[in-house]
Protein backbone atom coordinates (compact mmCIF):
# COMPACT_ATOMS: atom_id res chain seq x y z
CA MET A 1 3.80 160.45 -28.77
CA ARG A 2 6.89 158.28 -29.03
CA PRO A 3 7.18 155.86 -31.97
CA VAL A 4 6.82 152.16 -31.25
CA PRO A 5 10.15 150.40 -30.64
CA SER A 6 11.75 148.69 -33.60
CA PRO A 7 12.40 144.93 -33.44
CA ILE A 8 14.92 144.13 -30.73
CA SER A 9 18.47 144.82 -31.83
CA LYS A 10 21.53 142.75 -31.15
CA ALA A 11 22.86 145.14 -28.55
CA GLU A 12 19.74 145.18 -26.38
CA THR A 13 19.32 142.97 -23.33
CA LEU A 14 16.05 144.35 -22.04
CA ALA A 15 14.08 142.08 -24.36
CA PHE A 16 14.90 139.19 -22.06
CA ALA A 17 13.37 140.94 -19.06
CA PRO A 18 9.73 140.93 -17.92
CA ALA A 19 7.82 144.02 -18.96
CA ALA A 20 7.82 145.61 -15.52
CA GLN A 21 11.20 144.45 -14.24
CA ALA A 22 14.86 145.04 -14.85
CA PRO A 23 16.85 142.48 -16.83
CA THR A 24 17.07 139.28 -14.84
CA PRO A 25 20.51 137.99 -13.85
CA ARG A 26 19.30 134.36 -14.16
CA SER A 27 20.65 133.82 -17.63
CA GLY A 28 24.34 133.18 -17.37
CA GLY A 29 26.94 135.41 -18.91
CA GLY A 30 28.52 136.66 -15.70
CA GLY A 31 29.19 140.37 -15.78
CA ASP A 32 29.09 140.82 -19.53
CA PRO A 33 27.84 144.43 -19.87
CA SER A 34 26.68 143.95 -23.46
CA GLY A 35 24.54 140.97 -22.51
CA ALA A 36 25.91 138.98 -25.47
CA ALA A 37 26.48 135.94 -23.30
CA LYS A 38 22.89 136.07 -22.04
CA ARG A 39 21.39 135.36 -25.42
CA GLY A 40 22.07 131.67 -25.68
CA PRO A 41 23.16 129.64 -28.71
CA PHE A 42 19.98 130.16 -30.76
CA ARG A 43 19.43 133.91 -30.65
CA PRO A 44 19.21 135.32 -34.22
CA GLY A 45 20.95 138.57 -35.02
CA ARG A 46 17.58 140.33 -35.16
CA LEU A 47 14.31 139.29 -33.57
CA VAL A 48 11.38 139.50 -35.98
CA PRO A 49 7.74 139.69 -34.81
CA SER A 50 5.96 136.38 -35.27
CA ARG A 51 3.48 137.98 -37.72
CA ALA A 52 6.39 138.50 -40.12
CA ARG A 53 7.59 134.90 -40.00
CA LEU A 54 7.75 133.06 -43.34
CA GLU A 55 7.71 129.34 -44.09
CA THR A 56 10.55 127.69 -46.00
CA ARG A 57 8.19 125.15 -47.54
CA LEU A 58 5.98 127.94 -48.89
CA LEU A 59 8.98 129.62 -50.50
CA ALA A 60 10.08 126.26 -51.89
CA ARG A 61 6.69 125.82 -53.56
CA THR A 62 7.06 129.28 -55.06
CA PHE A 63 10.51 128.39 -56.39
CA LYS A 64 9.14 125.18 -57.87
CA GLY A 65 6.39 127.16 -59.58
CA VAL A 66 8.98 129.48 -61.13
CA ASP A 67 10.94 126.48 -62.41
CA ILE A 68 7.79 125.05 -63.99
CA LEU A 69 7.05 128.41 -65.62
CA ILE A 70 10.60 128.66 -67.03
CA ALA A 71 10.43 125.07 -68.30
CA ALA A 72 7.06 125.70 -69.95
CA CYS A 73 8.33 128.86 -71.71
CA VAL A 74 11.46 127.08 -72.93
CA ALA A 75 9.41 124.11 -74.14
CA VAL A 76 7.20 126.45 -76.17
CA ALA A 77 10.25 128.20 -77.63
CA VAL A 78 11.95 124.92 -78.61
CA THR A 79 8.67 123.64 -80.08
CA VAL A 80 8.44 126.78 -82.22
CA LEU A 81 11.98 126.02 -83.41
CA GLY A 82 10.65 122.69 -84.68
CA SER A 83 11.70 120.28 -81.91
CA PRO A 84 8.63 119.43 -79.78
CA VAL A 85 10.04 116.05 -78.70
CA VAL A 86 13.31 117.64 -77.56
CA ALA A 87 11.32 120.30 -75.72
CA GLY A 88 9.30 117.66 -73.89
CA VAL A 89 12.36 115.57 -72.99
CA TRP A 90 14.19 118.58 -71.56
CA ALA A 91 11.27 120.01 -69.58
CA ILE A 92 10.18 116.68 -68.07
CA THR A 93 13.65 115.41 -67.18
CA ALA A 94 14.69 118.78 -65.74
CA LEU A 95 11.68 119.05 -63.43
CA VAL A 96 11.76 115.39 -62.41
CA GLY A 97 15.51 115.52 -61.87
CA LEU A 98 15.28 118.58 -59.61
CA ARG A 99 12.66 116.82 -57.54
CA LEU A 100 14.70 113.59 -57.31
CA VAL A 101 17.81 115.40 -56.04
CA GLU A 102 15.63 117.29 -53.50
CA ALA A 103 16.57 120.67 -54.89
CA TYR A 104 13.63 122.26 -53.06
CA ALA A 105 14.43 120.86 -49.61
CA PHE A 106 17.08 123.47 -48.64
CA PRO A 107 18.49 121.56 -45.62
CA ARG A 108 19.73 123.91 -42.93
CA LYS A 109 23.32 122.69 -42.90
CA GLN A 110 23.74 122.30 -46.65
CA ALA A 111 26.34 124.64 -48.15
CA LEU A 112 25.75 126.55 -51.38
CA GLY A 113 28.30 124.37 -53.21
CA ALA A 114 26.50 121.18 -52.19
CA HIS A 115 23.14 122.59 -53.24
CA MET A 116 24.44 123.74 -56.62
CA ALA A 117 26.09 120.34 -57.17
CA ARG A 118 22.68 118.67 -56.80
CA VAL A 119 21.05 121.19 -59.12
CA GLY A 120 23.89 120.86 -61.62
CA LEU A 121 23.55 117.07 -61.63
CA ALA A 122 19.83 117.23 -62.42
CA LEU A 123 20.09 119.98 -65.03
CA GLY A 124 23.22 118.51 -66.63
CA ALA A 125 21.56 115.13 -67.06
CA SER A 126 18.49 116.81 -68.53
CA PHE A 127 20.59 118.81 -71.00
CA LEU A 128 22.50 115.73 -72.15
CA LEU A 129 19.30 113.71 -72.61
CA ALA A 130 17.67 116.55 -74.55
CA THR A 131 20.68 117.07 -76.83
CA GLY A 132 20.84 113.29 -77.36
CA ALA A 133 17.17 113.32 -78.35
CA SER A 134 17.85 116.16 -80.79
CA LEU A 135 20.55 114.08 -82.49
CA VAL A 136 18.27 111.04 -82.69
CA PHE A 137 15.45 113.03 -84.24
CA GLY A 138 17.72 115.07 -86.47
CA ARG A 139 16.97 118.39 -84.76
CA SER A 140 20.39 119.35 -83.43
CA GLU A 141 20.33 122.88 -84.86
CA ALA A 142 22.37 125.47 -82.98
CA PRO A 143 19.33 127.59 -81.93
CA VAL A 144 17.79 124.61 -80.13
CA VAL A 145 21.02 123.74 -78.32
CA TRP A 146 21.69 127.35 -77.31
CA THR A 147 18.11 127.78 -76.07
CA LEU A 148 18.40 124.69 -73.87
CA LEU A 149 21.81 125.79 -72.61
CA ALA A 150 20.51 129.27 -71.73
CA ALA A 151 17.49 127.80 -69.94
CA THR A 152 19.69 125.41 -67.96
CA ALA A 153 21.93 128.28 -66.90
CA ALA A 154 18.90 130.42 -65.95
CA ILE A 155 17.44 127.76 -63.66
CA ALA A 156 20.84 127.12 -62.09
CA ALA A 157 21.30 130.85 -61.42
CA ALA A 158 17.80 131.03 -59.95
CA HIS A 159 18.59 128.21 -57.54
CA GLY A 160 21.75 130.00 -56.44
CA ALA A 161 19.67 133.11 -55.72
CA TRP A 162 17.04 131.08 -53.85
CA TRP A 163 19.63 129.37 -51.66
CA THR A 164 20.96 132.84 -50.79
CA MET A 165 17.45 134.07 -49.97
CA ILE A 166 16.79 131.09 -47.70
CA ALA A 167 20.15 131.48 -45.93
CA ARG A 168 19.63 135.20 -45.42
CA GLY A 169 16.07 134.68 -44.17
CA ARG A 170 17.29 132.14 -41.62
CA ALA A 171 20.09 134.44 -40.47
CA GLN A 172 17.55 137.24 -40.00
CA GLY A 173 15.22 134.99 -38.03
CA ARG A 174 12.40 135.20 -40.59
CA LEU A 175 12.35 131.51 -41.53
CA THR A 176 12.98 129.77 -38.21
CA PRO A 177 10.24 129.64 -35.56
CA ASN A 178 11.13 131.01 -32.14
CA ILE A 179 10.04 129.06 -29.08
CA VAL A 180 10.32 129.32 -25.32
CA VAL A 181 10.33 126.26 -23.08
CA VAL A 182 8.38 125.87 -19.85
CA GLY A 183 10.17 123.57 -17.41
CA ALA A 184 13.90 123.52 -16.63
CA THR A 185 13.95 119.73 -16.82
CA LYS A 186 15.78 116.83 -18.43
CA ASN A 187 13.02 116.87 -21.02
CA ALA A 188 13.89 120.49 -21.81
CA GLU A 189 17.51 119.42 -22.26
CA ARG A 190 16.38 116.76 -24.77
CA LEU A 191 14.37 119.37 -26.65
CA ILE A 192 17.33 121.75 -26.81
CA GLU A 193 19.60 118.93 -28.01
CA ALA A 194 17.08 118.15 -30.77
CA ALA A 195 16.98 121.83 -31.72
CA MET A 196 20.77 121.89 -31.98
CA ARG A 197 20.77 118.77 -34.16
CA THR A 198 18.00 119.84 -36.52
CA GLY A 199 18.10 123.64 -36.45
CA GLU A 200 14.29 123.58 -36.76
CA VAL A 201 13.66 126.15 -34.02
CA ASN A 202 15.35 128.91 -32.08
CA VAL A 203 15.00 128.31 -28.33
CA LEU A 204 15.03 131.82 -26.89
CA GLY A 205 14.66 130.95 -23.23
CA VAL A 206 13.40 128.68 -20.48
CA PHE A 207 10.84 129.48 -17.77
CA ASP A 208 10.28 127.49 -14.58
CA ASP A 209 8.25 128.11 -11.43
CA ARG A 210 10.87 126.35 -9.31
CA LEU A 211 13.64 128.91 -9.77
CA ASP A 212 15.34 127.94 -6.53
CA ARG A 213 16.17 124.55 -8.10
CA ALA A 214 16.58 125.68 -11.71
CA PRO A 215 20.05 126.24 -13.25
CA GLU A 216 21.02 129.60 -14.73
CA ASN A 217 20.93 128.07 -18.18
CA ILE A 218 20.34 124.76 -19.94
CA MET A 219 22.96 124.00 -22.57
CA GLY A 220 23.50 127.74 -22.95
CA VAL A 221 19.80 128.66 -23.19
CA PRO A 222 19.07 131.15 -20.38
CA VAL A 223 16.46 130.55 -17.68
CA LEU A 224 14.55 133.84 -17.84
CA GLY A 225 12.12 133.57 -14.93
CA ASP A 226 8.99 131.83 -13.71
CA THR A 227 5.71 131.34 -15.59
CA GLY A 228 4.37 134.55 -14.08
CA ALA A 229 7.18 136.44 -15.82
CA LEU A 230 6.40 134.55 -19.03
CA LEU A 231 2.86 135.99 -19.18
CA ASP A 232 4.10 139.59 -19.51
CA HIS A 233 7.56 139.09 -20.96
CA ARG A 234 8.73 141.54 -23.61
CA ILE A 235 10.05 138.75 -25.78
CA MET A 236 6.64 137.10 -26.28
CA PRO A 237 5.62 139.06 -29.46
CA TYR A 238 8.64 137.39 -31.09
CA VAL A 239 7.71 133.87 -29.92
CA ASP A 240 5.82 131.51 -32.24
CA ARG A 241 5.31 128.59 -29.85
CA VAL A 242 5.38 127.95 -26.11
CA VAL A 243 6.47 124.38 -25.40
CA ILE A 244 5.87 122.57 -22.12
CA ALA A 245 8.77 120.19 -21.47
CA VAL A 246 7.99 118.64 -18.10
CA ALA A 247 8.03 114.86 -17.65
CA SER A 248 5.21 113.05 -19.46
CA THR A 249 4.32 111.25 -16.22
CA ALA A 250 3.56 114.56 -14.46
CA GLN A 251 0.03 114.81 -15.87
CA ALA A 252 -1.31 116.97 -13.03
CA ARG A 253 1.57 119.41 -13.55
CA VAL A 254 0.88 119.57 -17.29
CA ARG A 255 -2.82 120.33 -16.68
CA GLN A 256 -1.88 123.03 -14.18
CA LEU A 257 0.50 124.69 -16.66
CA VAL A 258 -2.01 124.49 -19.52
CA ASP A 259 -4.66 126.17 -17.36
CA LYS A 260 -2.24 128.92 -16.35
CA LEU A 261 -0.79 129.55 -19.80
CA ASP A 262 -4.09 129.32 -21.68
CA VAL A 263 -4.40 133.11 -21.41
CA LEU A 264 -1.44 133.56 -23.77
CA PRO A 265 -2.14 134.31 -27.45
CA ASN A 266 0.85 132.12 -28.40
CA PRO A 267 0.09 128.47 -29.34
CA LEU A 268 0.95 126.05 -26.53
CA HIS A 269 2.52 122.64 -27.29
CA LEU A 270 3.74 119.63 -25.32
CA PHE A 271 7.11 117.96 -25.90
CA ILE A 272 6.87 114.35 -24.68
CA ASP A 273 9.96 112.48 -23.47
CA ILE A 274 9.19 109.17 -25.18
CA GLY A 275 11.63 107.43 -27.54
CA GLY A 276 15.13 108.29 -28.65
CA ALA A 277 16.84 111.08 -30.55
CA ALA A 278 15.02 110.31 -33.81
CA GLU A 279 11.62 110.60 -32.10
CA ASP A 280 12.68 113.85 -30.42
CA ASP A 281 13.76 115.30 -33.78
CA ALA A 282 10.49 114.26 -35.45
CA ALA A 283 8.41 115.76 -32.63
CA LEU A 284 10.32 119.04 -32.86
CA VAL A 285 9.83 119.17 -36.64
CA ARG A 286 6.07 118.77 -36.14
CA ILE A 287 5.99 121.50 -33.51
CA ALA A 288 8.06 123.85 -35.69
CA ALA A 289 5.78 123.30 -38.69
CA GLY A 290 2.64 123.82 -36.61
CA SER A 291 1.36 120.38 -37.64
CA GLU A 292 1.25 119.26 -34.01
CA ALA A 293 -2.19 120.22 -32.63
CA PRO A 294 -1.70 122.93 -29.97
CA LEU A 295 -2.99 122.49 -26.43
CA SER A 296 -4.31 126.04 -26.66
CA GLY A 297 -4.30 128.81 -29.23
CA SER A 298 -5.52 128.73 -32.79
CA PRO A 299 -3.87 126.15 -35.10
CA ALA A 300 -1.97 127.87 -37.89
CA SER A 301 -3.23 127.59 -41.47
CA THR A 302 -0.80 128.81 -44.11
CA ARG A 303 -3.46 128.74 -46.81
CA ARG A 304 -5.89 130.77 -44.72
CA ALA A 305 -3.18 133.27 -43.77
CA LEU A 306 -2.19 133.75 -47.42
CA LEU A 307 -5.80 134.27 -48.50
CA LYS A 308 -6.34 136.78 -45.71
CA ARG A 309 -3.15 138.67 -46.56
CA ALA A 310 -4.07 138.79 -50.25
CA GLN A 311 -7.54 140.03 -49.31
CA ASP A 312 -6.00 142.70 -47.08
CA LEU A 313 -3.70 143.99 -49.81
CA VAL A 314 -6.43 144.14 -52.44
CA VAL A 315 -9.05 145.78 -50.22
CA ALA A 316 -6.60 148.23 -48.62
CA GLY A 317 -5.18 149.20 -52.03
CA LEU A 318 -8.64 149.77 -53.49
CA GLY A 319 -9.71 151.55 -50.31
CA LEU A 320 -6.84 154.02 -50.52
CA LEU A 321 -7.54 154.59 -54.21
CA VAL A 322 -11.21 155.36 -53.57
CA ALA A 323 -10.81 157.17 -50.25
CA GLY A 324 -7.70 159.17 -51.21
CA PRO A 325 -9.56 162.40 -52.07
CA VAL A 326 -11.71 162.09 -48.95
CA MET A 327 -8.60 161.62 -46.80
CA LEU A 328 -7.04 164.77 -48.26
CA LEU A 329 -10.18 166.76 -47.41
CA VAL A 330 -10.29 165.34 -43.88
CA ALA A 331 -6.62 166.15 -43.35
CA LEU A 332 -7.21 169.73 -44.48
CA ALA A 333 -10.27 170.08 -42.22
CA VAL A 334 -8.39 168.74 -39.19
CA LYS A 335 -5.51 171.14 -39.82
CA LEU A 336 -7.76 174.18 -40.19
CA ASP A 337 -10.04 173.30 -37.27
CA SER A 338 -7.52 173.23 -34.42
CA PRO A 339 -3.76 173.54 -33.87
CA GLY A 340 -1.74 170.38 -33.84
CA PRO A 341 -0.73 167.51 -36.16
CA VAL A 342 -3.15 165.97 -38.65
CA PHE A 343 -2.55 162.44 -37.43
CA PHE A 344 -2.81 160.87 -34.00
CA ARG A 345 -0.60 157.85 -33.35
CA GLN A 346 -1.22 155.45 -30.51
CA ARG A 347 0.56 152.34 -29.26
CA ARG A 348 -1.86 149.43 -29.33
CA HIS A 349 -1.70 145.67 -29.02
CA GLY A 350 -1.27 143.73 -32.26
CA PHE A 351 -0.76 140.06 -33.08
CA ASN A 352 0.77 138.06 -30.18
CA ASN A 353 0.65 141.19 -27.97
CA GLU A 354 3.08 143.03 -30.25
CA ALA A 355 3.10 146.79 -29.65
CA ILE A 356 2.19 148.52 -32.92
CA LEU A 357 1.70 152.18 -33.79
CA VAL A 358 -1.86 152.70 -35.06
CA TRP A 359 -2.64 155.74 -37.22
CA LYS A 360 -5.81 157.85 -37.04
CA PHE A 361 -6.86 161.34 -38.04
CA ARG A 362 -6.65 163.50 -34.93
CA SER A 363 -10.13 164.07 -33.51
CA MET A 364 -9.19 165.52 -30.11
CA ARG A 365 -7.46 168.70 -29.08
CA HIS A 366 -3.75 168.04 -29.32
CA GLU A 367 -2.97 169.14 -25.77
CA MET A 368 -5.71 166.86 -24.37
CA ALA A 369 -4.85 163.70 -26.32
CA ASP A 370 -4.93 160.51 -24.24
CA ALA A 371 -2.37 158.08 -25.66
CA SER A 372 -3.00 155.36 -23.05
CA ALA A 373 -6.83 155.60 -23.14
CA ALA A 374 -6.93 156.06 -19.37
CA ARG A 375 -10.14 158.02 -19.97
CA GLN A 376 -12.33 156.57 -22.68
CA ILE A 377 -14.47 158.65 -25.00
CA SER A 378 -17.87 159.75 -23.76
CA ALA A 379 -20.88 161.63 -25.13
CA ASP A 380 -20.20 165.38 -25.48
CA ASP A 381 -16.55 164.80 -24.59
CA ASP A 382 -14.90 168.23 -24.22
CA ARG A 383 -11.66 166.90 -25.70
CA VAL A 384 -13.19 166.28 -29.15
CA THR A 385 -12.95 169.04 -31.76
CA ARG A 386 -15.76 170.12 -34.09
CA VAL A 387 -14.27 168.24 -37.04
CA GLY A 388 -13.42 165.42 -34.66
CA LYS A 389 -17.08 164.86 -33.79
CA PHE A 390 -17.94 164.42 -37.47
CA ILE A 391 -15.06 162.13 -38.42
CA ARG A 392 -15.58 159.98 -35.32
CA LYS A 393 -19.31 159.68 -36.00
CA THR A 394 -18.65 158.60 -39.59
CA SER A 395 -15.49 156.60 -38.69
CA LEU A 396 -13.48 158.63 -41.20
CA ASP A 397 -10.83 159.03 -38.51
CA GLU A 398 -9.98 155.33 -38.96
CA LEU A 399 -9.06 155.57 -42.66
CA PRO A 400 -5.27 156.01 -42.09
CA GLN A 401 -5.26 152.49 -40.63
CA LEU A 402 -5.30 151.27 -44.22
CA PHE A 403 -1.57 152.05 -44.14
CA ASN A 404 -1.22 149.75 -41.09
CA VAL A 405 -2.89 147.05 -43.20
CA LEU A 406 -0.45 147.51 -46.07
CA THR A 407 2.54 147.23 -43.73
CA GLY A 408 1.16 143.96 -42.32
CA GLU A 409 0.56 145.19 -38.76
CA MET A 410 -3.24 145.03 -39.15
CA SER A 411 -5.87 143.32 -41.26
CA ILE A 412 -9.01 144.73 -42.82
CA VAL A 413 -11.07 142.41 -40.59
CA GLY A 414 -10.10 141.39 -37.07
CA PRO A 415 -10.50 142.33 -33.42
CA ARG A 416 -10.23 146.09 -33.00
CA PRO A 417 -6.84 147.08 -31.51
CA HIS A 418 -7.06 148.44 -27.98
CA ALA A 419 -4.64 150.92 -26.51
CA ILE A 420 -1.92 149.44 -24.30
CA GLY A 421 -2.95 149.96 -20.68
CA MET A 422 -6.53 150.92 -21.60
CA LYS A 423 -8.73 151.23 -18.51
CA THR A 424 -12.38 150.47 -17.90
CA ALA A 425 -13.94 152.09 -14.84
CA GLY A 426 -10.46 152.69 -13.44
CA VAL A 427 -9.30 149.09 -13.92
CA GLU A 428 -7.01 147.88 -16.71
CA SER A 429 -9.36 146.28 -19.25
CA ALA A 430 -7.10 143.27 -19.79
CA LYS A 431 -7.57 142.26 -16.14
CA LEU A 432 -11.36 142.11 -16.38
CA VAL A 433 -11.49 139.06 -18.67
CA ALA A 434 -9.23 136.02 -18.28
CA GLN A 435 -9.29 135.35 -22.06
CA TYR A 436 -8.57 138.97 -23.01
CA ALA A 437 -5.27 138.11 -24.74
CA HIS A 438 -7.04 135.51 -26.90
CA ARG A 439 -8.15 138.40 -29.11
CA HIS A 440 -4.47 138.86 -29.99
CA ARG A 441 -4.26 135.45 -31.68
CA MET A 442 -5.02 137.28 -34.92
CA LYS A 443 -3.96 140.63 -36.33
CA PRO A 444 -6.23 143.50 -35.26
CA GLY A 445 -8.63 144.82 -37.87
CA VAL A 446 -9.95 148.10 -39.23
CA THR A 447 -13.40 146.56 -38.82
CA GLY A 448 -14.59 143.32 -37.28
CA TRP A 449 -17.29 140.92 -36.17
CA ALA A 450 -17.81 142.85 -32.93
CA ALA A 451 -18.24 146.11 -34.85
CA ILE A 452 -21.10 144.83 -37.01
CA LYS A 453 -22.70 143.14 -34.00
CA GLY A 454 -23.10 146.39 -32.11
CA SER A 455 -19.97 146.38 -29.93
CA ARG A 456 -18.52 149.66 -31.12
CA GLY A 457 -17.03 152.66 -29.41
CA PRO A 458 -15.75 152.65 -25.82
CA VAL A 459 -15.79 149.61 -23.55
CA ASP A 460 -16.54 151.55 -20.37
CA THR A 461 -18.07 148.80 -18.27
CA PRO A 462 -16.87 145.30 -17.35
CA GLU A 463 -19.88 143.86 -19.18
CA SER A 464 -18.96 145.69 -22.41
CA VAL A 465 -15.38 144.38 -22.18
CA ARG A 466 -16.64 140.79 -21.75
CA LEU A 467 -19.02 141.16 -24.70
CA ARG A 468 -16.27 142.59 -26.92
CA VAL A 469 -13.84 139.81 -26.04
CA ALA A 470 -16.51 137.12 -26.54
CA LEU A 471 -17.35 138.44 -30.01
CA ASP A 472 -13.67 138.73 -30.94
CA VAL A 473 -12.89 135.16 -29.84
CA ASP A 474 -15.98 133.93 -31.69
CA TYR A 475 -14.68 135.58 -34.87
CA ILE A 476 -11.18 134.12 -34.47
CA GLU A 477 -12.61 130.62 -34.14
CA ARG A 478 -14.85 131.05 -37.21
CA GLN A 479 -12.63 133.20 -39.45
CA SER A 480 -12.78 132.49 -43.16
CA PHE A 481 -12.39 134.34 -46.45
CA TRP A 482 -16.16 134.50 -46.96
CA LEU A 483 -16.92 135.64 -43.42
CA ASP A 484 -14.43 138.47 -43.90
CA LEU A 485 -16.16 139.52 -47.12
CA TYR A 486 -19.51 139.52 -45.31
CA ILE A 487 -18.11 141.70 -42.50
CA ILE A 488 -16.58 144.13 -45.01
CA ALA A 489 -19.89 144.38 -46.87
CA MET A 490 -21.86 144.96 -43.65
CA THR A 491 -19.49 147.51 -42.12
CA ILE A 492 -20.68 150.67 -43.88
CA PRO A 493 -24.46 150.10 -43.46
CA CYS A 494 -23.90 149.15 -39.80
CA LEU A 495 -21.87 152.29 -39.13
CA LEU A 496 -24.24 154.61 -40.94
CA GLY A 497 -27.29 153.05 -39.34
CA ASP A 498 -25.94 153.27 -35.79
CA ARG A 499 -26.95 156.55 -34.17
CA SER A 500 -26.50 155.42 -30.58
CA ALA A 501 -22.88 154.28 -30.29
CA VAL A 502 -20.46 156.80 -28.85
CA ARG A 503 -17.49 157.14 -31.16
């Protein structure tokens, strides 16, 4: 079993090709063998899966929280030294000053020197006001002054480090949303111009059904193919938004595109050509932040995502702590029962159709393993070992997926990950249900709503595929912290009480 490919490197050009085709020549760059000219002006040095994207505003809030914590500690220390008024003046003026100079905004084109000048202005004014207050109230002892000076220097150093973190994150593509544009139009050109002005998004490519009339690129952004190519393109796991940029008057065309692209797990947005450059910039900012309601796909919720990630880390950590001895025994039993590796690794679909490598304890004979799930498990399957029958029946074979949770590829609760190319009755399962990819709008889970509702084991009929997808989409639309806790609590009794499901 080959490992899953790492995020696309700078030297690769295949990422800009549809999954089943060779790299398309419709992207400019002439005969450049390295493909560097095909990447367009926005391509980051390294493409990061959309599940690993971070938000600058979330980091800024964290930085602000650290500043408040430092200020509070310094205020306590100065109060202990006998200068509570000085402590209050310094803490309040420092925090207010940093906010007034927009020290937490981190504009994209602001250099480190300019950022530190703003921070220095706020902190310098705060230090002078605090030392002035100490003279007025007769508390200008050296320990107080040195404490304030050290605190001022600490916050300034922290802001230098934070600016570096933000700059590095943007260079790595972790802080800037990636989008693709549908429609090689004048409206697309306006969107790309706004992206160049604001730096709010990376425009990785353009898709258009009318390729015979489309240019090879728009302002350097390559035209990668038609909307059919978009549906299966290898770049899509790295795309955060799909933006339709046809003329606002072409309402029938917009409806047609929305209907066609609704099968994508990626959120779908509309960029309207109304107003001037300022309106274009504002619209792009809203799209980048996810505050613009998508035409399809689940609206992003940073708070919900943070709660779910925290829940995943806590439950997975506790699960490994409790299940560690059991996992060692299972590993030993698998090794002694039949020749071959302890673990079975399989490429499966993750968030936004990303290919991830899912870990399980091996339950089948090594030479008969089916990595693509072309033949699904059945009762009395001759491929399953003696130990394999037990660990599949008790779902102990799934325990290594806790490591997938810790790495962020999976969640504790979510749609179960299916093997890439999995077939049902000889037909690829994804082709049996139009909304199949909707289940990839959330990270796959170790357990899920479908599992506790009876949809476990193989999906060997079209009806079972439709039921699984319907339950998964229902969960995605209803997901909450408390629903996840309920599913976690119900998982073990449901598994132990189910004697009929083939696993």
